[in-house]
Amino acid sequence: MDRSKTNMKAAVLGLALALFMAALDQTIVATAMPTIVAELGGLEYFTWVFSAYMIATVVATPIFGKLSDMYGRKLFFLAGLIVFMIGSALCGLATTMTELIIYRAVQGIGGGALMPIVFTIIFDIFPPEKGGKMQGLFGAVFGLSSVLGPSLGAFFTDHVHWTWNFYINLPLGVISIGLIIWGYHESREKRKQRIDWLGAVMLTAAILSLMFALELGGTKVNGVLYEWGSWQIIGLFAVFAVLLVVFLLWEAKVSEPIIQLALFRNPLFTSSNFVSFFYGAVLISAATYIPLFVQGVLGGSATTSGTILTPMQLSVVVSSVFGGRLIGKTSYRNIMLGSVTLLLISMVLLAGLGVGTQRWTVTAYMILLGLGIGVSFSVLNLSALHKVEDRYKGSVTSMIVFFRTIGSALGVTVLGAIQKHSLSINLEQSLGAAASSQIGDPRLLLQPEFRAGVSPEALGKMTEALAGSIANVYLLCIVFPVLSFVFIMMMGSAKLEFPSRGGQKSPGGSGETGPATTH
């Protein structure tokens, strides 16, 4: 990267816009979906609008991270942004739910290129002593856009049109492209490598098998119910397991693998990725179930259910920036121990949600959760890259995004199944099996016309059942910060190191050590 020719302000703004869009689209359609379903139909495909984006992002992330190491960040950043914009435009033009799902997958492919490359470019254009603060800033952008999605989606849906949840990406994307072309200049020297196409195909097939198994399990598609014990679901899990084993064996042998398995010999790299995985599951639980609680239990509108996350958004920003400033002053582990403590307390409190919970109480819990989770966005990218060679930066950064996205994707699937099952049991206990079966899809409880046709007594029992199911989700979520604590303790005493006055480069940017460096 040629720092002398790079316009830092233009490059940073262009990267921030791209990251904002890519992270935003993981959650922006959440509060718009009832309106979209009413217009396009296809309620049975509801979750696939979210899953298609996440699955495509998970598949694309490690591949584009590797390609950016080989052929340069700028080329694949711009390519990813253009694909993302094409997918956004197509989503706005969708006339059926099937079309929307396909176009969301196109968006996800672009998002899979944007998120890891943005963070990698930050490492390229800023020296280590400024890297922590910039990671804090961009971590705040990522966290803010992830939780801002429901609020922004509700605004566009209520006051403009649901299609603008997608069209808004077009002007922002054009601005980002212009700023990056003008402001970011990288070195043209590239290391010649071979692309591990077979590894990429096996990884893609393995991830798709796992995600399809999780998404289809226990659901009815085109009138066919795919039980968790059905041969189709078991077969998909089996295919995933076999392909994963074959992929790992292949990656250990090939000279230029998609994923450098040697990196996982580094406890700091490994623990950073697993913490990112569990934090991803926590983040998606907040963005999904808090709006559901406000709208379904407290009786708020779509706009209200989105804006309830605003305090969390602000605390994520504050926490991420604060975490970035702490980097270099103390170890990564010490910073994350404070983070996971706040996260654990917030999960315990959220597990006590009920029909009597006041809105201000939910707001306080959200602030605490945001303070806990925001630090991870600034710390984990840097801790994973500690003493890793420059030529692996793209791959390493992509793995953090990969694990976080996998955590979110699995979280929304597993937690969704648990919440739906818990709600069905609660409804059956309070209303009886016959009345419970008449409700059908639990999301009907969010529709005003459905609630208006139910007696006050029955509605009270329904909202109590919904509140109990959401509380059960957060009770289960306590396991995520507990497991995160275990991996955080494995991070050791490493912290960000700056260049000495004599001109010696820091390990984080010098490339003096290989991918398997230990701490």
Protein backbone atom coordinates (compact mmCIF):
# COMPACT_ATOMS: atom_id res chain seq x y z
CA MET A 1 0.00 0.00 0.00
CA ASP A 2 1.32 3.43 -0.98
CA ARG A 3 0.55 5.59 2.04
CA SER A 4 2.06 8.69 0.43
CA LYS A 5 -0.59 8.68 -2.29
CA THR A 6 -3.53 7.55 -0.18
CA ASN A 7 -6.00 10.19 0.94
CA MET A 8 -6.71 8.86 4.42
CA LYS A 9 -9.94 10.77 5.01
CA ALA A 10 -11.46 9.72 1.68
CA ALA A 11 -10.37 6.10 2.10
CA VAL A 12 -11.71 5.87 5.67
CA LEU A 13 -15.06 7.38 4.73
CA GLY A 14 -15.41 5.07 1.72
CA LEU A 15 -14.56 2.01 3.81
CA ALA A 16 -16.91 3.06 6.62
CA LEU A 17 -19.82 3.45 4.20
CA ALA A 18 -19.20 0.00 2.69
CA LEU A 19 -18.92 -1.66 6.10
CA PHE A 20 -22.05 0.13 7.27
CA MET A 21 -24.05 -1.23 4.33
CA ALA A 22 -22.76 -4.80 4.56
CA ALA A 23 -23.41 -5.12 8.29
CA LEU A 24 -26.72 -3.26 8.10
CA ASP A 25 -28.21 -5.73 5.64
CA GLN A 26 -27.89 -8.58 8.13
CA THR A 27 -30.73 -7.06 10.19
CA ILE A 28 -32.43 -4.22 8.28
CA VAL A 29 -35.28 -6.32 6.91
CA ALA A 30 -36.28 -7.68 10.34
CA THR A 31 -39.03 -5.16 11.10
CA ALA A 32 -40.03 -4.88 7.43
CA MET A 33 -40.81 -8.57 6.97
CA PRO A 34 -44.50 -8.49 8.01
CA THR A 35 -45.10 -5.84 5.34
CA ILE A 36 -43.01 -7.70 2.76
CA VAL A 37 -44.89 -10.94 3.43
CA ALA A 38 -48.21 -9.13 3.13
CA GLU A 39 -47.21 -7.85 -0.32
CA LEU A 40 -45.21 -10.76 -1.74
CA GLY A 41 -46.73 -13.69 0.16
CA GLY A 42 -44.68 -16.75 1.10
CA LEU A 43 -44.85 -16.67 4.91
CA GLU A 44 -43.38 -20.17 5.01
CA TYR A 45 -40.16 -18.80 3.49
CA PHE A 46 -39.90 -15.99 6.06
CA THR A 47 -36.59 -17.03 7.65
CA TRP A 48 -34.89 -17.65 4.30
CA VAL A 49 -34.76 -13.93 3.59
CA PHE A 50 -32.30 -13.68 6.49
CA SER A 51 -30.64 -17.04 5.99
CA ALA A 52 -29.88 -16.54 2.30
CA TYR A 53 -27.85 -13.42 3.07
CA MET A 54 -25.99 -15.03 5.96
CA ILE A 55 -25.25 -18.29 4.15
CA ALA A 56 -23.85 -16.47 1.12
CA THR A 57 -21.76 -14.22 3.36
CA VAL A 58 -20.35 -17.17 5.30
CA VAL A 59 -19.40 -18.97 2.09
CA ALA A 60 -17.86 -15.92 0.41
CA THR A 61 -15.91 -14.46 3.34
CA PRO A 62 -12.86 -16.80 3.54
CA ILE A 63 -12.62 -17.06 -0.25
CA PHE A 64 -12.52 -13.31 -0.82
CA GLY A 65 -10.15 -12.88 2.12
CA LYS A 66 -7.70 -15.24 0.43
CA LEU A 67 -8.15 -13.62 -2.99
CA SER A 68 -7.46 -10.17 -1.54
CA ASP A 69 -4.15 -11.49 -0.17
CA MET A 70 -3.26 -12.77 -3.62
CA TYR A 71 -4.41 -10.03 -5.99
CA GLY A 72 -4.91 -6.95 -3.85
CA ARG A 73 -7.55 -5.44 -1.59
CA LYS A 74 -8.82 -2.70 -3.88
CA LEU A 75 -9.82 -4.95 -6.78
CA PHE A 76 -11.92 -7.32 -4.69
CA PHE A 77 -13.30 -4.58 -2.48
CA LEU A 78 -14.71 -2.80 -5.54
CA ALA A 79 -15.90 -6.08 -7.07
CA GLY A 80 -17.67 -7.03 -3.84
CA LEU A 81 -19.27 -3.60 -3.56
CA ILE A 82 -20.59 -3.75 -7.12
CA VAL A 83 -22.04 -7.25 -6.57
CA PHE A 84 -23.62 -6.01 -3.35
CA MET A 85 -25.23 -3.06 -5.13
CA ILE A 86 -26.55 -5.28 -7.92
CA GLY A 87 -28.10 -7.58 -5.33
CA SER A 88 -29.64 -4.58 -3.53
CA ALA A 89 -31.23 -3.26 -6.71
CA LEU A 90 -32.64 -6.69 -7.55
CA CYS A 91 -34.09 -7.08 -4.04
CA GLY A 92 -36.00 -3.83 -4.49
CA LEU A 93 -37.40 -5.13 -7.79
CA ALA A 94 -38.43 -8.56 -6.42
CA THR A 95 -42.05 -9.52 -7.08
CA THR A 96 -42.09 -12.87 -5.25
CA MET A 97 -40.55 -14.20 -2.05
CA THR A 98 -38.47 -16.68 -4.06
CA GLU A 99 -36.94 -13.85 -6.09
CA LEU A 100 -36.20 -11.88 -2.93
CA ILE A 101 -34.40 -14.84 -1.36
CA ILE A 102 -32.24 -15.37 -4.45
CA TYR A 103 -31.34 -11.69 -4.66
CA ARG A 104 -30.52 -11.61 -0.95
CA ALA A 105 -27.99 -14.36 -1.63
CA VAL A 106 -26.39 -12.14 -4.30
CA GLN A 107 -26.19 -9.37 -1.71
CA GLY A 108 -24.58 -11.79 0.72
CA ILE A 109 -21.82 -12.70 -1.73
CA GLY A 110 -20.93 -9.03 -2.02
CA GLY A 111 -21.12 -8.60 1.75
CA GLY A 112 -18.75 -11.54 2.18
CA ALA A 113 -16.14 -9.63 0.20
CA LEU A 114 -16.67 -6.27 1.88
CA MET A 115 -16.49 -7.00 5.60
CA PRO A 116 -13.10 -8.76 5.86
CA ILE A 117 -11.39 -6.59 3.25
CA VAL A 118 -12.48 -3.35 4.94
CA PHE A 119 -10.73 -4.32 8.18
CA THR A 120 -7.66 -5.56 6.31
CA ILE A 121 -7.28 -2.27 4.44
CA ILE A 122 -7.40 -0.45 7.79
CA PHE A 123 -4.34 -2.44 8.87
CA ASP A 124 -2.64 -1.57 5.60
CA ILE A 125 -3.16 2.20 5.66
CA PHE A 126 -2.59 2.92 9.37
CA PRO A 127 0.53 2.23 11.46
CA PRO A 128 0.13 0.03 14.55
CA GLU A 129 0.04 2.95 16.99
CA LYS A 130 -3.12 4.22 15.30
CA GLY A 131 -4.53 0.81 14.45
CA GLY A 132 -6.24 0.30 17.79
CA LYS A 133 -8.16 3.57 17.63
CA MET A 134 -9.20 2.95 14.03
CA GLN A 135 -10.31 -0.58 14.87
CA GLY A 136 -12.39 0.94 17.65
CA LEU A 137 -13.96 3.38 15.21
CA PHE A 138 -14.71 0.75 12.56
CA GLY A 139 -15.82 -1.75 15.18
CA ALA A 140 -18.31 0.89 16.31
CA VAL A 141 -19.53 1.29 12.71
CA PHE A 142 -19.98 -2.48 12.40
CA GLY A 143 -21.77 -2.84 15.72
CA LEU A 144 -23.92 0.24 15.18
CA SER A 145 -25.06 -0.82 11.72
CA SER A 146 -25.80 -4.36 12.91
CA VAL A 147 -28.20 -3.19 15.61
CA LEU A 148 -29.44 -0.10 13.75
CA GLY A 149 -30.96 -2.32 11.09
CA PRO A 150 -34.35 -2.94 12.74
CA SER A 151 -34.81 0.78 13.50
CA LEU A 152 -33.91 1.89 9.99
CA GLY A 153 -35.95 -0.90 8.45
CA ALA A 154 -38.99 0.18 10.46
CA PHE A 155 -38.55 3.80 9.38
CA PHE A 156 -38.36 3.00 5.66
CA THR A 157 -41.26 0.55 5.92
CA ASP A 158 -43.56 2.88 7.87
CA HIS A 159 -42.73 6.18 6.16
CA VAL A 160 -41.40 5.42 2.65
CA HIS A 161 -41.61 1.86 1.23
CA TRP A 162 -40.02 -1.44 2.20
CA THR A 163 -38.01 -1.49 -1.06
CA TRP A 164 -35.90 1.39 0.28
CA ASN A 165 -34.38 -0.99 2.77
CA PHE A 166 -32.43 -2.11 -0.29
CA TYR A 167 -32.38 0.94 -2.56
CA ILE A 168 -30.62 3.01 0.11
CA ASN A 169 -27.48 1.00 -0.65
CA LEU A 170 -27.23 2.33 -4.19
CA PRO A 171 -26.37 6.01 -3.51
CA LEU A 172 -24.19 5.02 -0.55
CA GLY A 173 -22.40 2.45 -2.71
CA VAL A 174 -21.72 4.95 -5.50
CA ILE A 175 -20.19 7.37 -2.99
CA SER A 176 -18.07 4.60 -1.47
CA ILE A 177 -16.77 3.50 -4.90
CA GLY A 178 -15.82 7.06 -5.79
CA LEU A 179 -14.02 7.65 -2.51
CA ILE A 180 -12.04 4.41 -2.71
CA ILE A 181 -11.02 4.88 -6.35
CA TRP A 182 -9.87 8.41 -5.58
CA GLY A 183 -8.50 7.99 -2.08
CA TYR A 184 -7.01 4.50 -1.72
CA HIS A 185 -3.80 3.53 -3.55
CA GLU A 186 -2.09 0.22 -2.91
CA SER A 187 1.14 -1.30 -4.11
CA ARG A 188 0.95 -3.21 -7.39
CA GLU A 189 3.41 -5.82 -6.17
CA LYS A 190 1.53 -9.06 -5.69
CA ARG A 191 2.82 -12.44 -4.67
CA LYS A 192 2.02 -15.08 -7.26
CA GLN A 193 -0.04 -17.88 -5.78
CA ARG A 194 -2.38 -20.60 -6.95
CA ILE A 195 -6.04 -20.55 -6.06
CA ASP A 196 -7.17 -23.64 -4.18
CA TRP A 197 -10.36 -24.06 -6.19
CA LEU A 198 -10.99 -27.61 -4.95
CA GLY A 199 -10.71 -26.45 -1.34
CA ALA A 200 -13.08 -23.55 -2.06
CA VAL A 201 -15.66 -25.92 -3.58
CA MET A 202 -15.44 -28.35 -0.64
CA LEU A 203 -15.73 -25.55 1.92
CA THR A 204 -18.71 -24.07 0.10
CA ALA A 205 -20.47 -27.44 -0.15
CA ALA A 206 -19.81 -28.22 3.53
CA ILE A 207 -21.17 -24.89 4.75
CA LEU A 208 -24.22 -25.11 2.49
CA SER A 209 -24.99 -28.62 3.78
CA LEU A 210 -24.79 -27.47 7.39
CA MET A 211 -26.86 -24.34 6.86
CA PHE A 212 -29.55 -26.11 4.85
CA ALA A 213 -29.83 -28.79 7.52
CA LEU A 214 -30.27 -26.17 10.24
CA GLU A 215 -32.71 -24.10 8.21
CA LEU A 216 -34.89 -26.97 6.95
CA GLY A 217 -34.95 -28.99 10.17
CA GLY A 218 -38.39 -28.93 11.78
CA THR A 219 -39.91 -26.71 9.07
CA LYS A 220 -42.46 -27.26 6.32
CA VAL A 221 -41.51 -26.30 2.75
CA ASN A 222 -43.97 -26.69 -0.12
CA GLY A 223 -46.18 -28.80 2.12
CA VAL A 224 -43.34 -31.17 3.09
CA LEU A 225 -42.34 -31.29 6.78
CA TYR A 226 -38.64 -31.98 7.29
CA GLU A 227 -38.40 -33.52 10.76
CA TRP A 228 -35.03 -33.29 12.51
CA GLY A 229 -34.82 -37.07 12.38
CA SER A 230 -35.74 -37.33 8.69
CA TRP A 231 -33.31 -38.87 6.25
CA GLN A 232 -32.95 -35.57 4.41
CA ILE A 233 -31.78 -33.63 7.48
CA ILE A 234 -29.58 -36.43 8.80
CA GLY A 235 -28.12 -36.80 5.31
CA LEU A 236 -27.25 -33.11 5.13
CA PHE A 237 -25.49 -33.26 8.51
CA ALA A 238 -23.61 -36.34 7.37
CA VAL A 239 -22.53 -34.66 4.12
CA PHE A 240 -21.32 -31.67 6.13
CA ALA A 241 -19.27 -33.86 8.49
CA VAL A 242 -17.67 -35.84 5.66
CA LEU A 243 -16.88 -32.77 3.56
CA LEU A 244 -15.44 -30.94 6.55
CA VAL A 245 -13.06 -33.79 7.35
CA VAL A 246 -12.00 -34.12 3.70
CA PHE A 247 -11.57 -30.34 3.44
CA LEU A 248 -9.32 -30.20 6.53
CA LEU A 249 -7.19 -33.08 5.26
CA TRP A 250 -6.88 -31.40 1.87
CA GLU A 251 -6.00 -28.00 3.35
CA ALA A 252 -3.22 -29.61 5.41
CA LYS A 253 -1.61 -30.93 2.21
CA VAL A 254 -2.10 -28.18 -0.39
CA SER A 255 0.61 -25.51 -0.72
CA GLU A 256 -1.75 -22.50 -0.92
CA PRO A 257 -4.86 -23.38 1.13
CA ILE A 258 -7.98 -21.27 1.41
CA ILE A 259 -7.62 -21.43 5.18
CA GLN A 260 -4.17 -21.59 6.77
CA LEU A 261 -4.68 -24.35 9.31
CA ALA A 262 -1.29 -23.51 10.86
CA LEU A 263 -2.89 -20.34 12.18
CA PHE A 264 -4.95 -22.42 14.60
CA ARG A 265 -1.77 -23.56 16.36
CA ASN A 266 -1.69 -20.03 17.74
CA PRO A 267 -3.83 -19.95 20.93
CA LEU A 268 -4.47 -16.21 20.57
CA PHE A 269 -5.76 -16.58 17.00
CA THR A 270 -7.90 -19.61 17.86
CA SER A 271 -9.42 -18.12 21.00
CA SER A 272 -10.14 -14.81 19.23
CA ASN A 273 -12.13 -16.62 16.56
CA PHE A 274 -14.17 -18.69 18.99
CA VAL A 275 -14.98 -15.64 21.10
CA SER A 276 -16.09 -13.91 17.89
CA PHE A 277 -18.34 -16.92 17.17
CA PHE A 278 -20.11 -16.75 20.54
CA TYR A 279 -20.41 -12.96 20.46
CA GLY A 280 -22.01 -13.22 17.01
CA ALA A 281 -24.72 -15.44 18.48
CA VAL A 282 -25.35 -12.96 21.32
CA LEU A 283 -25.58 -10.00 18.93
CA ILE A 284 -28.13 -11.67 16.68
CA SER A 285 -30.22 -12.64 19.72
CA ALA A 286 -30.43 -8.99 20.76
CA ALA A 287 -31.27 -7.73 17.28
CA THR A 288 -33.96 -10.42 16.84
CA TYR A 289 -35.70 -10.99 20.15
CA ILE A 290 -35.71 -7.59 21.83
CA PRO A 291 -37.80 -6.03 19.00
CA LEU A 292 -39.98 -9.16 19.15
CA PHE A 293 -40.49 -8.66 22.90
CA VAL A 294 -41.31 -4.96 22.57
CA GLN A 295 -43.72 -5.47 19.68
CA GLY A 296 -45.29 -8.75 20.78
CA VAL A 297 -45.36 -8.40 24.59
CA LEU A 298 -45.28 -4.68 25.33
CA GLY A 299 -47.53 -3.90 22.37
CA GLY A 300 -45.23 -1.44 20.59
CA SER A 301 -45.30 -0.65 16.89
CA ALA A 302 -42.67 -1.74 14.37
CA THR A 303 -41.02 1.66 14.74
CA THR A 304 -41.04 1.43 18.54
CA SER A 305 -39.60 -2.09 18.48
CA GLY A 306 -36.76 -0.82 16.32
CA THR A 307 -35.99 2.32 18.29
CA ILE A 308 -35.80 0.37 21.56
CA LEU A 309 -32.37 -0.71 20.35
CA THR A 310 -31.10 2.89 20.08
CA PRO A 311 -29.55 2.95 23.59
CA MET A 312 -27.79 -0.32 22.78
CA GLN A 313 -26.52 1.19 19.51
CA LEU A 314 -25.01 4.13 21.34
CA SER A 315 -23.43 1.95 24.02
CA VAL A 316 -21.92 -0.31 21.33
CA VAL A 317 -20.27 2.75 19.76
CA VAL A 318 -18.96 4.03 23.11
CA SER A 319 -17.70 0.60 24.12
CA SER A 320 -15.98 -0.10 20.80
CA VAL A 321 -14.18 3.25 20.77
CA PHE A 322 -13.20 2.83 24.43
CA GLY A 323 -11.88 -0.68 23.72
CA GLY A 324 -9.81 0.64 20.83
CA ARG A 325 -8.17 3.18 23.14
CA LEU A 326 -7.33 0.51 25.69
CA ILE A 327 -5.50 -1.63 23.13
CA GLY A 328 -1.78 -1.30 23.70
CA LYS A 329 -2.25 -0.19 27.32
CA THR A 330 -3.21 -3.62 28.61
CA SER A 331 -3.55 -7.14 27.27
CA TYR A 332 -6.30 -8.27 24.93
CA ARG A 333 -7.39 -10.74 27.60
CA ASN A 334 -7.85 -8.09 30.28
CA ILE A 335 -10.02 -5.96 27.99
CA MET A 336 -12.17 -8.92 26.97
CA LEU A 337 -12.60 -10.09 30.58
CA GLY A 338 -14.35 -6.81 31.36
CA SER A 339 -16.43 -7.22 28.22
CA VAL A 340 -17.56 -10.77 28.93
CA THR A 341 -18.47 -9.88 32.53
CA LEU A 342 -20.91 -7.21 31.31
CA LEU A 343 -22.22 -9.64 28.71
CA LEU A 344 -22.89 -12.35 31.27
CA ILE A 345 -24.74 -9.95 33.59
CA SER A 346 -26.92 -8.70 30.72
CA MET A 347 -27.85 -12.25 29.67
CA VAL A 348 -28.84 -13.15 33.23
CA LEU A 349 -31.02 -10.04 33.45
CA LEU A 350 -32.64 -10.66 30.05
CA ALA A 351 -33.49 -14.20 31.13
CA GLY A 352 -35.87 -12.59 33.63
CA LEU A 353 -38.00 -10.77 31.03
CA GLY A 354 -41.75 -11.07 31.54
CA VAL A 355 -45.06 -9.37 30.86
CA GLY A 356 -44.46 -7.09 33.85
CA THR A 357 -41.08 -5.85 32.63
CA GLN A 358 -41.09 -2.09 32.06
CA ARG A 359 -39.72 -0.55 28.87
CA TRP A 360 -37.09 1.46 30.77
CA THR A 361 -35.86 -1.78 32.29
CA VAL A 362 -35.41 -3.31 28.84
CA THR A 363 -33.54 -0.15 27.82
CA ALA A 364 -31.16 -0.50 30.79
CA TYR A 365 -30.49 -4.14 29.89
CA MET A 366 -29.77 -3.11 26.30
CA ILE A 367 -27.24 -0.49 27.40
CA LEU A 368 -25.43 -3.07 29.50
CA LEU A 369 -25.43 -5.56 26.62
CA GLY A 370 -24.09 -2.94 24.20
CA LEU A 371 -21.26 -2.00 26.57
CA GLY A 372 -20.32 -5.65 26.82
CA ILE A 373 -20.41 -6.53 23.15
CA GLY A 374 -18.96 -3.35 21.59
CA VAL A 375 -15.41 -3.96 22.82
CA SER A 376 -15.17 -7.16 20.78
CA PHE A 377 -15.40 -5.31 17.48
CA SER A 378 -12.21 -3.36 18.14
CA VAL A 379 -10.21 -5.97 20.06
CA LEU A 380 -10.72 -9.31 18.31
CA ASN A 381 -9.56 -8.19 14.86
CA LEU A 382 -6.26 -7.02 16.34
CA SER A 383 -5.76 -9.96 18.69
CA ALA A 384 -6.26 -12.44 15.83
CA LEU A 385 -3.64 -10.60 13.76
CA HIS A 386 -1.05 -10.42 16.54
CA LYS A 387 2.38 -11.38 15.10
CA VAL A 388 0.91 -12.73 11.85
CA GLU A 389 2.70 -12.18 8.54
CA ASP A 390 1.47 -9.41 6.27
CA ARG A 391 0.65 -11.89 3.50
CA TYR A 392 -1.94 -13.59 5.73
CA LYS A 393 -3.74 -10.42 6.85
CA GLY A 394 -6.70 -10.83 4.51
CA SER A 395 -7.17 -14.48 5.43
CA VAL A 396 -6.93 -13.79 9.16
CA THR A 397 -9.36 -10.87 9.11
CA SER A 398 -11.78 -12.89 7.02
CA MET A 399 -11.73 -15.68 9.61
CA ILE A 400 -12.86 -13.33 12.39
CA VAL A 401 -15.76 -12.17 10.20
CA PHE A 402 -16.38 -15.79 9.14
CA PHE A 403 -16.67 -17.05 12.73
CA ARG A 404 -18.82 -14.09 13.82
CA THR A 405 -21.18 -14.61 10.88
CA ILE A 406 -21.33 -18.37 11.46
CA GLY A 407 -22.19 -17.62 15.08
CA SER A 408 -24.97 -15.29 14.00
CA ALA A 409 -26.30 -17.73 11.40
CA LEU A 410 -26.32 -20.70 13.76
CA GLY A 411 -27.60 -18.52 16.58
CA VAL A 412 -30.61 -17.24 14.67
CA THR A 413 -31.45 -20.78 13.54
CA VAL A 414 -30.98 -22.67 16.81
CA LEU A 415 -32.42 -19.94 19.02
CA GLY A 416 -35.32 -19.48 16.60
CA ALA A 417 -36.18 -23.18 16.79
CA ILE A 418 -35.98 -23.11 20.59
CA GLN A 419 -38.12 -19.97 20.87
CA LYS A 420 -40.77 -21.36 18.53
CA HIS A 421 -40.87 -24.71 20.37
CA SER A 422 -41.03 -22.99 23.76
CA LEU A 423 -43.83 -20.72 22.56
CA SER A 424 -45.84 -23.69 21.29
CA ILE A 425 -45.51 -25.47 24.63
CA ASN A 426 -46.46 -22.32 26.56
CA LEU A 427 -49.51 -21.73 24.35
CA GLU A 428 -50.61 -25.33 24.69
CA GLN A 429 -50.35 -25.14 28.49
CA SER A 430 -52.27 -21.88 28.75
CA LEU A 431 -54.83 -22.21 25.92
CA GLY A 432 -55.01 -25.94 25.28
CA ALA A 433 -53.78 -27.97 22.34
CA ALA A 434 -56.73 -27.16 20.06
CA ALA A 435 -56.51 -23.38 20.46
CA SER A 436 -52.72 -23.45 20.23
CA SER A 437 -52.77 -25.36 16.94
CA GLN A 438 -55.14 -22.80 15.42
CA ILE A 439 -52.56 -20.04 15.79
CA GLY A 440 -50.22 -21.74 13.36
CA ASP A 441 -47.13 -19.60 12.82
CA PRO A 442 -46.18 -17.77 16.07
CA ARG A 443 -45.38 -14.63 14.07
CA LEU A 444 -49.14 -14.12 13.66
CA LEU A 445 -49.08 -12.77 17.21
CA LEU A 446 -47.28 -9.69 15.87
CA GLN A 447 -49.98 -8.80 13.37
CA PRO A 448 -52.45 -6.17 14.69
CA GLU A 449 -55.40 -7.64 12.76
CA PHE A 450 -54.81 -11.05 14.39
CA ARG A 451 -54.53 -9.57 17.89
CA ALA A 452 -57.68 -7.49 17.33
CA GLY A 453 -59.70 -10.65 16.73
CA VAL A 454 -58.64 -12.31 20.00
CA SER A 455 -60.36 -11.83 23.35
CA PRO A 456 -58.42 -9.81 25.99
CA GLU A 457 -58.10 -12.89 28.22
CA ALA A 458 -56.70 -15.06 25.44
CA LEU A 459 -54.42 -12.26 24.25
CA GLY A 460 -53.03 -11.91 27.76
CA LYS A 461 -52.20 -15.60 27.85
CA MET A 462 -50.60 -15.38 24.40
CA THR A 463 -48.35 -12.46 25.33
CA GLU A 464 -47.36 -14.22 28.54
CA ALA A 465 -46.47 -17.31 26.52
CA LEU A 466 -44.44 -15.20 24.09
CA ALA A 467 -42.60 -13.43 26.91
CA GLY A 468 -41.77 -16.78 28.50
CA SER A 469 -40.39 -18.16 25.23
CA ILE A 470 -38.12 -15.13 24.77
CA ALA A 471 -36.91 -15.36 28.38
CA ASN A 472 -36.03 -19.03 27.72
CA VAL A 473 -33.93 -17.95 24.74
CA TYR A 474 -31.87 -15.62 26.91
CA LEU A 475 -31.60 -18.23 29.62
CA LEU A 476 -29.95 -20.47 27.04
CA CYS A 477 -27.81 -17.56 25.82
CA ILE A 478 -26.04 -17.47 29.20
CA VAL A 479 -23.91 -20.33 27.90
CA PHE A 480 -22.36 -18.03 25.24
CA PRO A 481 -20.55 -15.63 27.61
CA VAL A 482 -19.58 -18.59 29.82
CA LEU A 483 -17.90 -20.35 26.88
CA SER A 484 -16.42 -17.03 25.75
CA PHE A 485 -14.81 -16.67 29.18
CA VAL A 486 -13.08 -20.03 28.74
CA PHE A 487 -11.53 -18.96 25.43
CA ILE A 488 -10.68 -15.47 26.68
CA MET A 489 -8.59 -17.04 29.44
CA MET A 490 -6.61 -18.80 26.67
CA MET A 491 -5.60 -15.48 25.09
CA GLY A 492 -2.57 -15.06 27.35
CA SER A 493 -0.88 -11.77 28.18
CA ALA A 494 -0.24 -10.55 24.61
CA LYS A 495 -1.04 -6.93 23.77
CA LEU A 496 -0.60 -4.63 20.79
CA GLU A 497 3.06 -3.65 20.31
CA PHE A 498 4.13 -0.39 18.70
CA PRO A 499 7.30 0.36 16.71
CA SER A 500 10.29 1.36 18.81
CA ARG A 501 11.93 4.76 18.38
CA GLY A 502 14.85 3.07 16.69
CA GLY A 503 12.58 2.19 13.79
CA GLN A 504 12.04 -1.48 14.52
CA LYS A 505 8.60 -2.50 13.32
CA SER A 506 5.98 -3.97 15.56
CA PRO A 507 5.25 -7.67 15.16
CA GLY A 508 1.70 -6.87 14.13
CA GLY A 509 2.80 -5.10 10.99
CA SER A 510 6.28 -6.33 10.24
CA GLY A 511 5.57 -9.77 8.93
CA GLU A 512 8.56 -11.03 10.91
CA THR A 513 6.77 -14.13 12.14
CA GLY A 514 4.69 -16.80 10.48
CA PRO A 515 1.13 -17.85 10.97
CA ALA A 516 1.90 -20.31 13.72
CA THR A 517 3.55 -17.89 16.13
CA THR A 518 2.67 -18.64 19.73
CA HIS A 519 2.36 -16.30 22.67
